[in-house]
Amino acid sequence: MDIRQLRYYKEIVDQGSISKAAERLHIAQPPLSQLLKKLEDDFNTELIRRYRQKWEVTESGELLYRYAVQILGQLGTITAG
């Protein structure tokens, strides 16, 4: 996992949608969906439970989200200082 993957995952959760996150990140939706799938495969857990019209962040996904917020926040402090 790298910083880009953390940033992209955080944006997916923040936006509540892969398509909205892709638009905000200025990338195509399929690579973002693939990134999410790769993270789930790497961690061997479901991060986001998908339903027909909506999805929800799983407990594992919430832990990763909090980790991403913390790491990205610390990174921002380092680069600003």
Protein backbone atom coordinates (compact mmCIF):
# COMPACT_ATOMS: atom_id res chain seq x y z
CA MET A 1 0.00 0.00 0.00
CA ASP A 2 1.21 3.48 -0.77
CA ILE A 3 0.12 7.03 0.01
CA ARG A 4 -1.75 7.35 -3.29
CA GLN A 5 -3.87 4.29 -2.48
CA LEU A 6 -4.67 5.69 0.97
CA ARG A 7 -5.61 9.05 -0.52
CA TYR A 8 -7.82 7.44 -3.16
CA TYR A 9 -9.52 5.15 -0.63
CA LYS A 10 -10.20 8.09 1.69
CA GLU A 11 -11.72 10.03 -1.21
CA ILE A 12 -14.03 7.11 -2.08
CA VAL A 13 -15.35 7.06 1.48
CA ASP A 14 -15.53 10.86 1.75
CA GLN A 15 -17.51 11.15 -1.48
CA GLY A 16 -19.75 8.16 -0.75
CA SER A 17 -19.33 6.99 -4.33
CA ILE A 18 -16.58 5.66 -6.56
CA SER A 19 -17.82 7.71 -9.50
CA LYS A 20 -17.86 10.95 -7.48
CA ALA A 21 -14.41 10.18 -6.09
CA ALA A 22 -13.09 9.48 -9.59
CA GLU A 23 -14.49 12.79 -10.81
CA ARG A 24 -12.94 14.67 -7.89
CA LEU A 25 -9.58 12.92 -8.35
CA HIS A 26 -9.69 13.52 -12.13
CA ILE A 27 -9.27 9.85 -12.97
CA ALA A 28 -11.47 7.28 -14.69
CA GLN A 29 -13.82 5.21 -12.57
CA PRO A 30 -12.57 1.70 -13.60
CA PRO A 31 -9.02 2.17 -12.25
CA LEU A 32 -10.46 3.45 -8.96
CA SER A 33 -12.74 0.42 -8.71
CA GLN A 34 -9.73 -1.80 -9.44
CA LEU A 35 -7.75 -0.06 -6.71
CA LEU A 36 -10.52 -0.75 -4.20
CA LYS A 37 -10.64 -4.40 -5.27
CA LYS A 38 -6.84 -4.66 -4.95
CA LEU A 39 -6.95 -3.21 -1.43
CA GLU A 40 -9.64 -5.72 -0.49
CA ASP A 41 -7.56 -8.55 -1.96
CA ASP A 42 -4.38 -7.35 -0.26
CA PHE A 43 -6.10 -7.14 3.14
CA ASN A 44 -8.19 -10.23 2.43
CA THR A 45 -11.32 -8.46 3.67
CA GLU A 46 -14.27 -6.52 2.35
CA LEU A 47 -13.78 -2.78 2.90
CA ILE A 48 -17.02 -1.60 1.33
CA ARG A 49 -20.15 -3.73 1.15
CA ARG A 50 -21.92 -3.05 -2.12
CA TYR A 51 -25.66 -3.21 -2.65
CA ARG A 52 -27.67 -2.43 -5.75
CA GLN A 53 -28.16 1.29 -5.20
CA LYS A 54 -25.86 2.00 -2.27
CA TRP A 55 -22.93 0.76 -0.26
CA GLU A 56 -21.62 0.91 3.29
CA VAL A 57 -18.18 0.90 4.81
CA THR A 58 -17.45 -2.30 6.76
CA GLU A 59 -15.75 -2.35 10.15
CA SER A 60 -12.43 -3.14 8.43
CA GLY A 61 -13.07 -0.36 5.95
CA GLU A 62 -13.71 2.08 8.79
CA LEU A 63 -10.41 1.12 10.43
CA LEU A 64 -8.56 1.69 7.16
CA TYR A 65 -10.36 5.02 6.68
CA ARG A 66 -9.31 6.25 10.14
CA TYR A 67 -5.75 5.11 9.44
CA ALA A 68 -5.79 6.97 6.11
CA VAL A 69 -7.10 10.18 7.72
CA GLN A 70 -4.41 10.01 10.40
CA ILE A 71 -1.51 9.23 8.04
CA LEU A 72 -2.55 11.77 5.41
CA GLY A 73 -3.03 14.41 8.12
CA GLN A 74 0.43 13.74 9.50
CA LEU A 75 1.89 13.83 6.02
CA GLY A 76 0.25 17.22 5.45
CA THR A 77 1.79 18.54 8.66
CA ILE A 78 5.24 17.31 7.63
CA THR A 79 5.09 18.85 4.17
CA ALA A 80 3.67 22.14 5.50
CA GLY A 81 6.41 22.50 8.08
